[in-house]
């Protein structure tokens, strides 16, 4: 007795609402075990292997590699309780129909047997949106869809696009039953999964019951909220006079010419975060040149003494942690809803890392309590994990201050954008030999430019300047760190 179950893209946490299919790990006809990874997806934060909570035979896959799916969209269907031979998938539909269309005792016993089979082939682990196996009455049987709807990837039409194939199942599923918003009614639950979407609506005073979701089964996505806000805040846009179209010189390239790169996944998340930082944070930048000769000599001496090698980034992190202990105003965030500055008790230091996927900011937890050796080891671990694309959302969130060593790109200075919702970022340029007045005489010294970009709401220039000057003093005279903080 087989039952075809639909496995949808689960909520991957951290407010993520969509994911891009990077690589399928199973094909139609494959036998999958409970909790076996079936697809590798890329979210705005990390690469994730998604396990299927069902065990059985894969009967259909929805979406090709490179397709972006919202949370709740179908990923694949599995014939549960079928024998592990090639005919399992074909026999799933008739058996399911007979078990659900029977009557009397025979129908009840068949249903009970099928539920027992499903229960034995269901994971006890928790995926958000699935949970653990519950009573049979709470599980929903999904009838096998027609080939036009459940379009397996291997049999996809050659001329169709990945987007069309990915959206067909979701569209037909939504049309087969009322939208969740309609079912809920004015007093029912609001079909929202993402806490990010709820917060955006709450902050802008939007009632989510007035928003019609465009996601599967009426799910409200961030794009739906943004459209509603745009429509509410610009009601007279349609009445504005239309300006005459500017004349385009002959031979000029059309507006659609050129390569178009979608802002999605990690690149889209970075764009959204940087835009939000520039929009919400009134930032300012100050900078200073510092003689790093003594710091470089101290690092050389430490590494020559034996033991694990100490990285320059680890020494700079130690300096930042000491400076933040003296100037806690910069280890903070701003609660705009409560109009409060929140000073944070621990230093969780983010650092900018360039990877093949783009710029990411892994976070070193409790950096203020770590030794130089521990910081070096953690920086190395997170950097390697980032290059492999295996950082978890926990590795990329919760930072309170960011250290940006853009000197590795061969540049001296920069005015970085603050990593929202933090309050400051220290930038470090390249360390190069330059003429410098040392002890009253002109000499060639190792010079570095330090810059601090800070949220002007949390402090004024005096505090920011004091922080940066202390950092520069520690770079020039590392023995300053031996003083009591």
Protein backbone atom coordinates (compact mmCIF):
# COMPACT_ATOMS: atom_id res chain seq x y z
CA UNK A 1 0.00 0.00 0.00
CA UNK A 2 1.60 3.30 -1.10
CA UNK A 3 0.66 6.89 -0.40
CA UNK A 4 2.08 9.85 -2.31
CA UNK A 5 3.18 12.65 0.00
CA UNK A 6 4.32 16.10 -1.02
CA UNK A 7 7.45 17.52 0.62
CA UNK A 8 7.54 21.32 0.57
CA UNK A 9 10.50 23.63 1.11
CA UNK A 10 10.58 24.00 4.90
CA UNK A 11 11.15 27.20 6.85
CA UNK A 12 14.94 27.42 7.08
CA UNK A 13 14.81 29.89 9.97
CA UNK A 14 16.38 33.34 10.53
CA UNK A 15 13.53 35.04 8.65
CA UNK A 16 14.47 33.46 5.31
CA UNK A 17 11.56 33.34 2.86
CA UNK A 18 13.09 31.74 -0.23
CA UNK A 19 15.96 29.56 -1.41
CA UNK A 20 17.61 28.73 -4.73
CA UNK A 21 18.03 25.13 -5.84
CA UNK A 22 21.76 24.55 -6.30
CA UNK A 23 21.93 20.79 -6.81
CA UNK A 24 19.50 17.91 -6.70
CA UNK A 25 20.84 14.96 -4.70
CA UNK A 26 18.16 12.50 -5.85
CA UNK A 27 16.38 11.73 -9.13
CA UNK A 28 12.86 10.59 -9.94
CA UNK A 29 12.64 6.87 -9.20
CA UNK A 30 15.31 6.91 -6.50
CA UNK A 31 14.58 5.32 -3.15
CA UNK A 32 15.20 7.75 -0.29
CA UNK A 33 15.60 6.99 3.39
CA UNK A 34 14.11 8.98 6.22
CA UNK A 35 16.05 12.23 6.80
CA UNK A 36 18.20 11.66 3.71
CA UNK A 37 19.33 14.97 2.11
CA UNK A 38 17.50 15.33 -1.19
CA UNK A 39 18.46 18.81 -2.41
CA UNK A 40 21.11 21.43 -1.77
CA UNK A 41 19.76 24.98 -1.65
CA UNK A 42 21.35 28.38 -1.29
CA UNK A 43 19.71 30.92 0.99
CA UNK A 44 20.67 34.51 1.61
CA UNK A 45 22.90 33.26 4.42
CA UNK A 46 24.32 29.83 3.64
CA UNK A 47 24.28 26.66 1.56
CA UNK A 48 21.96 24.10 3.14
CA UNK A 49 21.27 20.42 2.45
CA UNK A 50 17.56 19.82 3.00
CA UNK A 51 16.60 16.37 4.38
CA UNK A 52 13.29 14.76 3.49
CA UNK A 53 11.24 13.59 6.49
CA UNK A 54 9.66 10.78 4.43
CA UNK A 55 11.12 7.48 3.27
CA UNK A 56 10.02 5.98 -0.03
CA UNK A 57 10.31 6.43 -3.81
CA UNK A 58 10.71 9.86 -5.42
CA UNK A 59 7.87 10.29 -7.92
CA UNK A 60 8.39 13.93 -8.98
CA UNK A 61 10.74 16.89 -8.53
CA UNK A 62 9.64 20.50 -8.80
CA UNK A 63 12.11 23.07 -10.05
CA UNK A 64 15.44 22.75 -11.79
CA UNK A 65 18.86 23.80 -10.56
CA UNK A 66 19.03 27.61 -10.50
CA UNK A 67 15.31 27.99 -9.72
CA UNK A 68 14.37 30.13 -6.71
CA UNK A 69 11.46 28.81 -4.65
CA UNK A 70 9.57 30.44 -1.77
CA UNK A 71 9.18 28.69 1.56
CA UNK A 72 6.18 26.36 1.31
CA UNK A 73 6.58 25.62 -2.40
CA UNK A 74 6.62 21.90 -3.37
CA UNK A 75 10.08 20.34 -3.66
CA UNK A 76 9.23 16.74 -4.50
CA UNK A 77 6.69 13.98 -3.97
CA UNK A 78 7.45 10.64 -2.36
CA UNK A 79 5.52 7.39 -2.61
CA UNK A 80 5.57 6.26 1.01
CA UNK A 81 5.17 2.61 1.92
CA UNK A 82 5.87 1.42 -1.63
CA UNK A 83 8.19 -1.50 -2.39
CA UNK A 84 11.71 -0.51 -3.38
CA UNK A 85 11.39 -1.58 -7.04
CA UNK A 86 10.90 0.35 -10.23
CA UNK A 87 7.14 -0.06 -10.26
CA UNK A 88 6.58 1.59 -6.93
CA UNK A 89 6.01 5.03 -8.29
CA UNK A 90 3.59 3.84 -10.98
CA UNK A 91 1.49 1.88 -8.55
CA UNK A 92 1.20 4.63 -6.00
CA UNK A 93 -1.74 6.43 -7.57
CA UNK A 94 -4.22 3.51 -7.94
CA UNK A 95 -3.51 2.19 -4.46
CA UNK A 96 -3.99 5.60 -2.91
CA UNK A 97 -7.25 6.10 -4.78
CA UNK A 98 -8.63 2.75 -3.72
CA UNK A 99 -7.71 3.29 -0.08
CA UNK A 100 -9.41 6.68 -0.01
CA UNK A 101 -12.53 5.81 -2.04
CA UNK A 102 -13.53 2.60 -0.27
CA UNK A 103 -16.40 2.40 2.18
CA UNK A 104 -17.24 0.70 5.45
CA UNK A 105 -14.86 -1.51 7.39
CA UNK A 106 -12.62 -2.29 4.41
CA UNK A 107 -11.99 1.40 3.78
CA UNK A 108 -11.27 2.11 7.43
CA UNK A 109 -8.85 -0.79 7.74
CA UNK A 110 -7.09 0.22 4.51
CA UNK A 111 -6.78 3.78 5.74
CA UNK A 112 -5.41 2.57 9.06
CA UNK A 113 -2.85 0.40 7.28
CA UNK A 114 -1.74 3.28 5.07
CA UNK A 115 -1.41 5.59 8.05
CA UNK A 116 0.66 2.99 9.85
CA UNK A 117 2.91 2.74 6.83
CA UNK A 118 3.28 6.52 6.67
CA UNK A 119 4.02 6.67 10.37
CA UNK A 120 6.76 4.07 10.00
CA UNK A 121 8.25 6.00 7.06
CA UNK A 122 8.14 9.46 8.72
CA UNK A 123 11.04 11.18 10.46
CA UNK A 124 10.84 11.98 14.14
CA UNK A 125 13.10 14.99 13.61
CA UNK A 126 11.62 18.45 13.47
CA UNK A 127 11.59 20.53 10.29
CA UNK A 128 9.82 23.86 10.67
CA UNK A 129 6.42 23.40 9.07
CA UNK A 130 6.48 19.59 9.49
CA UNK A 131 7.22 18.72 13.10
CA UNK A 132 7.17 15.11 14.21
CA UNK A 133 4.71 12.50 13.06
CA UNK A 134 1.27 13.14 14.53
CA UNK A 135 -2.01 11.21 14.68
CA UNK A 136 -3.32 9.86 11.42
CA UNK A 137 -6.34 12.16 11.47
CA UNK A 138 -4.10 15.23 11.31
CA UNK A 139 -2.17 14.13 8.22
CA UNK A 140 -3.44 15.28 4.86
CA UNK A 141 -3.51 12.84 1.96
CA UNK A 142 -2.27 14.41 -1.27
CA UNK A 143 -3.65 12.86 -4.42
CA UNK A 144 -1.15 12.33 -7.24
CA UNK A 145 -1.25 15.29 -9.58
CA UNK A 146 -1.67 15.05 -13.32
CA UNK A 147 1.46 15.13 -15.49
CA UNK A 148 0.63 18.71 -16.52
CA UNK A 149 0.87 19.79 -12.89
CA UNK A 150 3.41 17.48 -11.26
CA UNK A 151 6.04 17.87 -13.94
CA UNK A 152 9.15 15.82 -13.05
CA UNK A 153 12.40 17.44 -14.05
CA UNK A 154 13.57 14.61 -16.40
CA UNK A 155 10.35 14.87 -18.48
CA UNK A 156 10.27 18.66 -18.61
CA UNK A 157 9.46 20.21 -21.98
CA UNK A 158 12.63 21.20 -23.76
CA UNK A 159 11.43 24.71 -24.59
CA UNK A 160 10.08 25.64 -21.19
CA UNK A 161 11.97 27.83 -18.77
CA UNK A 162 13.04 26.79 -15.23
CA UNK A 163 10.85 29.50 -13.75
CA UNK A 164 7.77 28.30 -15.59
CA UNK A 165 8.35 24.70 -14.53
CA UNK A 166 8.95 25.68 -10.92
CA UNK A 167 5.85 27.84 -10.61
CA UNK A 168 3.41 25.49 -12.35
CA UNK A 169 2.88 23.19 -9.34
CA UNK A 170 2.44 26.09 -6.94
CA UNK A 171 0.02 27.88 -9.26
CA UNK A 172 -2.19 24.84 -9.87
CA UNK A 173 -2.13 23.97 -6.21
CA UNK A 174 -3.29 27.45 -5.29
CA UNK A 175 -6.08 27.42 -7.89
CA UNK A 176 -7.40 24.07 -6.69
CA UNK A 177 -8.39 25.49 -3.33
CA UNK A 178 -9.21 28.88 -1.81
CA UNK A 179 -6.33 31.11 -0.79
CA UNK A 180 -5.33 30.90 2.86
CA UNK A 181 -6.21 34.55 3.37
CA UNK A 182 -9.77 33.90 2.15
CA UNK A 183 -10.15 30.81 4.32
CA UNK A 184 -8.89 32.60 7.41
CA UNK A 185 -11.44 35.37 7.13
CA UNK A 186 -11.21 38.62 9.07
CA UNK A 187 -10.72 36.81 12.38
CA UNK A 188 -8.61 33.87 11.22
CA UNK A 189 -4.83 33.43 11.32
CA UNK A 190 -2.71 35.59 9.03
CA UNK A 191 -0.78 33.44 6.50
CA UNK A 192 2.73 34.67 7.32
CA UNK A 193 5.74 32.45 8.04
CA UNK A 194 8.60 34.93 8.15
CA UNK A 195 9.08 36.99 11.34
CA UNK A 196 10.91 39.49 9.11
CA UNK A 197 7.72 40.12 7.16
CA UNK A 198 5.70 40.56 10.35
CA UNK A 199 8.25 43.03 11.74
CA UNK A 200 8.29 45.05 8.51
CA UNK A 201 4.50 45.36 8.56
CA UNK A 202 4.43 46.17 12.28
CA UNK A 203 7.11 48.85 11.98
CA UNK A 204 5.26 50.54 9.11
CA UNK A 205 1.81 50.23 10.69
CA UNK A 206 0.39 47.88 8.05
CA UNK A 207 -2.43 45.46 8.89
CA UNK A 208 -1.44 42.13 7.36
CA UNK A 209 -5.11 41.12 7.09
CA UNK A 210 -5.43 43.69 4.32
CA UNK A 211 -2.62 42.11 2.29
CA UNK A 212 -3.26 39.36 -0.25
CA UNK A 213 -0.33 36.95 -0.41
CA UNK A 214 1.20 35.85 -3.69
CA UNK A 215 2.97 32.80 -2.21
CA UNK A 216 1.73 29.22 -2.12
CA UNK A 217 -1.75 28.93 -0.59
CA UNK A 218 -1.90 32.71 -0.12
CA UNK A 219 1.35 32.97 1.87
CA UNK A 220 2.26 36.62 2.41
CA UNK A 221 5.81 37.34 1.23
CA UNK A 222 7.99 40.38 1.81
CA UNK A 223 7.33 41.55 -1.75
CA UNK A 224 3.57 41.58 -1.00
CA UNK A 225 4.10 43.82 2.04
CA UNK A 226 6.37 46.18 0.11
CA UNK A 227 3.82 46.46 -2.70
CA UNK A 228 1.07 47.23 -0.18
CA UNK A 229 3.22 49.88 1.48
CA UNK A 230 4.04 51.46 -1.87
CA UNK A 231 0.37 51.53 -2.85
CA UNK A 232 -0.61 53.06 0.50
CA UNK A 233 2.12 55.71 0.58
CA UNK A 234 1.80 56.82 -3.03
CA UNK A 235 -1.95 56.84 -3.80
CA UNK A 236 -1.71 59.84 -6.12
CA UNK A 237 1.06 58.51 -8.28
CA UNK A 238 -1.42 57.45 -10.95
CA UNK A 239 -2.83 61.01 -11.15
CA UNK A 240 0.55 62.67 -11.66
CA UNK A 241 1.15 64.05 -15.16
CA UNK A 242 3.23 61.81 -17.33
CA UNK A 243 6.45 63.45 -18.45
CA UNK A 244 7.20 63.21 -22.16
CA UNK A 245 9.61 60.44 -23.02
CA UNK A 246 13.15 61.63 -23.53
CA UNK A 247 14.35 61.35 -27.05
CA UNK A 248 16.88 58.58 -27.60
CA UNK A 249 19.69 59.36 -30.04
CA UNK A 250 19.90 57.11 -33.04
CA UNK A 251 22.15 54.14 -32.41
CA UNK A 252 21.89 54.43 -28.59
CA UNK A 253 21.57 51.07 -26.80
CA UNK A 254 18.07 50.06 -25.74
CA UNK A 255 17.15 50.07 -22.02
CA UNK A 256 16.97 46.29 -22.04
CA UNK A 257 20.44 45.89 -23.56
CA UNK A 258 23.26 44.44 -21.51
CA UNK A 259 23.54 41.58 -19.06
CA UNK A 260 20.95 41.40 -16.28
CA UNK A 261 22.01 39.72 -13.03
CA UNK A 262 19.22 38.94 -10.53
CA UNK A 263 19.68 40.39 -7.05
CA UNK A 264 18.86 37.24 -5.15
CA UNK A 265 20.45 34.82 -2.73
CA UNK A 266 23.51 36.20 -0.96
CA UNK A 267 23.93 39.12 -3.39
CA UNK A 268 20.31 40.16 -2.82
CA UNK A 269 20.63 39.89 0.95
CA UNK A 270 23.78 42.03 0.92
CA UNK A 271 22.05 44.63 -1.27
CA UNK A 272 19.04 44.79 1.05
CA UNK A 273 21.19 45.10 4.16
CA UNK A 274 23.46 47.80 2.74
CA UNK A 275 20.49 49.78 1.45
CA UNK A 276 18.80 49.56 4.83
CA UNK A 277 21.99 50.68 6.57
CA UNK A 278 22.33 53.73 4.32
CA UNK A 279 18.64 54.54 4.72
CA UNK A 280 18.35 54.18 8.50
CA UNK A 281 21.79 54.95 9.95
CA UNK A 282 23.19 58.50 9.99
CA UNK A 283 26.81 57.43 9.73
CA UNK A 284 30.01 59.43 9.93
CA UNK A 285 33.63 58.46 9.35
CA UNK A 286 36.92 59.55 10.93
CA UNK A 287 40.39 58.22 10.18
CA UNK A 288 44.01 58.42 11.28
CA UNK A 289 47.41 57.17 10.12
CA UNK A 290 49.33 55.01 12.61
CA UNK A 291 52.85 53.64 12.82
CA UNK A 292 52.39 49.85 12.93
CA UNK A 293 56.11 49.03 13.08
CA UNK A 294 56.00 47.98 16.74
CA UNK A 295 52.85 45.89 16.24
CA UNK A 296 54.47 43.99 13.35
CA UNK A 297 57.62 43.46 15.43
CA UNK A 298 55.56 42.16 18.36
CA UNK A 299 53.79 39.67 16.10
CA UNK A 300 57.11 38.48 14.68
CA UNK A 301 58.45 37.95 18.21
CA UNK A 302 55.33 36.04 19.30
CA UNK A 303 55.53 33.70 16.32
CA UNK A 304 59.26 33.18 16.79
CA UNK A 305 58.67 32.03 20.37
CA UNK A 306 57.04 28.81 19.14
CA UNK A 307 53.50 27.51 19.46
CA UNK A 308 50.56 28.37 17.19
CA UNK A 309 51.10 31.24 14.80
CA UNK A 310 49.32 34.50 15.60
CA UNK A 311 47.56 36.34 12.78
CA UNK A 312 47.58 40.11 12.40
CA UNK A 313 43.77 40.05 12.32
CA UNK A 314 43.75 38.38 15.75
CA UNK A 315 45.92 41.15 17.22
CA UNK A 316 43.68 43.81 15.71
CA UNK A 317 40.66 41.98 17.16
CA UNK A 318 42.26 42.05 20.61
CA UNK A 319 42.82 45.78 20.23
CA UNK A 320 39.17 46.31 19.18
CA UNK A 321 37.90 44.33 22.16
CA UNK A 322 39.98 46.42 24.58
CA UNK A 323 38.87 49.65 22.90
CA UNK A 324 35.19 48.66 23.10
CA UNK A 325 35.62 47.97 26.83
CA UNK A 326 36.75 51.59 27.20
CA UNK A 327 34.11 52.97 24.83
CA UNK A 328 31.02 50.75 25.22
CA UNK A 329 28.89 53.30 23.35
CA UNK A 330 30.12 51.73 20.10
CA UNK A 331 29.22 48.16 21.08
CA UNK A 332 25.54 48.93 20.76
CA UNK A 333 22.49 49.00 18.54
CA UNK A 334 19.52 51.34 18.17
CA UNK A 335 15.97 50.17 18.85
CA UNK A 336 14.09 52.50 16.54
CA UNK A 337 10.65 51.32 17.68
CA UNK A 338 11.38 52.09 21.35
CA UNK A 339 13.71 55.01 20.50
CA UNK A 340 16.40 53.55 22.74
CA UNK A 341 20.12 52.86 22.46
CA UNK A 342 20.87 49.30 23.59
CA UNK A 343 24.43 48.80 24.87
CA UNK A 344 25.40 45.16 24.53
CA UNK A 345 27.24 43.26 27.29
CA UNK A 346 29.45 41.04 25.10
CA UNK A 347 31.62 41.70 22.06
CA UNK A 348 30.66 39.42 19.16
CA UNK A 349 33.11 40.50 16.50
CA UNK A 350 32.21 40.24 12.84
CA UNK A 351 34.90 40.33 10.18
CA UNK A 352 34.51 40.87 6.46
CA UNK A 353 35.51 37.85 4.36
CA UNK A 354 35.55 37.72 0.57
CA UNK A 355 34.39 34.38 -0.85
CA UNK A 356 33.48 33.01 -4.30
CA UNK A 357 29.83 33.64 -3.35
CA UNK A 358 30.54 37.25 -2.43
CA UNK A 359 31.19 39.23 0.73
CA UNK A 360 30.10 37.62 4.00
CA UNK A 361 30.59 38.68 7.63
CA UNK A 362 31.14 35.68 9.94
CA UNK A 363 30.93 36.38 13.67
CA UNK A 364 33.43 35.38 16.36
CA UNK A 365 31.47 34.90 19.59
CA UNK A 366 32.74 36.44 22.83
CA UNK A 367 35.79 37.93 21.14
CA UNK A 368 36.50 40.04 24.22
CA UNK A 369 37.31 36.97 26.33
CA UNK A 370 39.45 35.12 23.77
CA UNK A 371 43.25 34.98 23.59
CA UNK A 372 45.20 35.83 20.45
CA UNK A 373 45.68 32.10 19.78
CA UNK A 374 41.96 31.38 20.15
CA UNK A 375 41.05 34.30 17.89
CA UNK A 376 43.54 33.16 15.23
CA UNK A 377 42.08 29.65 15.27
CA UNK A 378 38.49 30.88 15.06
CA UNK A 379 39.23 33.34 12.25
CA UNK A 380 40.89 30.54 10.28
CA UNK A 381 37.98 28.13 10.87
CA UNK A 382 35.29 30.61 9.86
CA UNK A 383 37.23 31.83 6.83
CA UNK A 384 37.68 28.30 5.49
CA UNK A 385 34.04 27.46 6.17
CA UNK A 386 33.00 30.64 4.34
CA UNK A 387 35.09 29.73 1.28
CA UNK A 388 33.41 26.33 1.18
CA UNK A 389 29.98 28.01 1.34
CA UNK A 390 29.12 26.04 4.48
CA UNK A 391 28.51 28.84 6.98
CA UNK A 392 25.31 28.42 8.98
CA UNK A 393 22.91 31.28 9.72
CA UNK A 394 24.20 31.23 13.31
CA UNK A 395 27.72 31.92 12.01
CA UNK A 396 26.51 35.05 10.21
CA UNK A 397 24.24 36.69 12.77
CA UNK A 398 24.48 38.27 16.19
CA UNK A 399 27.51 40.51 15.58
CA UNK A 400 27.91 43.67 17.69
CA UNK A 401 30.93 45.27 15.95
CA UNK A 402 32.71 44.61 12.64
CA UNK A 403 36.41 44.62 11.76
CA UNK A 404 37.06 45.16 8.05
CA UNK A 405 40.62 44.48 6.86
CA UNK A 406 40.36 45.85 3.31
CA UNK A 407 44.15 46.24 3.25
CA UNK A 408 44.32 42.69 1.82
CA UNK A 409 42.98 44.20 -1.43
CA UNK A 410 45.97 46.54 -1.63
CA UNK A 411 44.11 49.75 -0.70
CA UNK A 412 44.90 52.31 1.97
CA UNK A 413 41.51 53.67 2.97
CA UNK A 414 37.77 53.29 2.67
CA UNK A 415 34.50 54.58 4.10
CA UNK A 416 32.68 51.28 4.73
CA UNK A 417 28.94 50.92 5.23
CA UNK A 418 27.96 49.87 8.74
CA UNK A 419 26.76 46.28 9.07
CA UNK A 420 23.16 46.96 10.17
CA UNK A 421 22.03 46.86 12.99
CA UNK A 422 25.49 47.41 14.51
CA UNK A 423 26.72 50.87 15.46
CA UNK A 424 30.27 50.95 14.13
CA UNK A 425 32.92 49.36 11.92
CA UNK A 426 36.70 49.68 12.06
CA UNK A 427 38.49 49.63 8.71
CA UNK A 428 42.17 48.72 8.35
CA UNK A 429 44.16 49.56 5.22
CA UNK A 430 47.35 47.99 3.94
CA UNK A 431 50.51 48.26 6.04
CA UNK A 432 53.29 49.67 3.85
CA UNK A 433 56.69 51.35 4.35
CA UNK A 434 56.33 55.14 4.32
CA UNK A 435 58.35 58.16 5.43
CA UNK A 436 57.47 58.90 9.06
CA UNK A 437 58.83 61.16 11.77
CA UNK A 438 60.00 58.82 14.52
CA UNK A 439 61.61 60.15 17.70
CA UNK A 440 62.22 63.49 16.02
CA UNK A 441 63.86 62.09 12.92
CA UNK A 442 62.61 61.13 9.51
CA UNK A 443 62.56 57.37 9.09
CA UNK A 444 60.92 54.66 7.00
CA UNK A 445 58.22 53.04 9.11
CA UNK A 446 55.35 50.55 8.56
CA UNK A 447 52.30 52.82 8.30
CA UNK A 448 48.61 51.90 8.24
CA UNK A 449 45.48 54.00 7.85
CA UNK A 450 42.65 53.24 10.31
CA UNK A 451 39.10 54.45 9.74
CA UNK A 452 36.05 54.28 11.96
CA UNK A 453 32.54 54.56 10.56
CA UNK A 454 29.99 55.02 13.35
CA UNK A 455 26.29 55.61 13.94
CA UNK A 456 26.05 59.25 15.01
CA UNK A 457 22.94 58.44 17.05
CA UNK A 458 24.87 56.34 19.58
CA UNK A 459 27.69 58.82 20.20
CA UNK A 460 29.27 62.07 19.10
CA UNK A 461 32.60 62.69 17.41
CA UNK A 462 34.46 62.97 20.71
CA UNK A 463 33.68 59.38 21.64
CA UNK A 464 34.40 58.09 18.16
CA UNK A 465 37.67 60.01 18.04
CA UNK A 466 38.65 58.69 21.48
CA UNK A 467 38.01 55.12 20.38
CA UNK A 468 40.02 55.51 17.19
CA UNK A 469 42.89 57.25 18.96
CA UNK A 470 43.09 54.42 21.53
CA UNK A 471 43.19 51.86 18.72
CA UNK A 472 45.98 53.81 17.02
CA UNK A 473 47.94 54.04 20.29
CA UNK A 474 47.71 50.26 20.72
CA UNK A 475 48.88 49.73 17.14
CA UNK A 476 51.83 52.06 17.69
CA UNK A 477 52.65 50.79 21.19
CA UNK A 478 51.26 47.27 21.79
CA UNK A 479 52.44 47.48 25.40
CA UNK A 480 49.43 49.73 26.02
CA UNK A 481 47.36 46.53 26.10
CA UNK A 482 49.22 45.45 29.25
CA UNK A 483 47.58 48.25 31.18
CA UNK A 484 44.45 47.58 33.19
CA UNK A 485 41.41 48.16 31.04
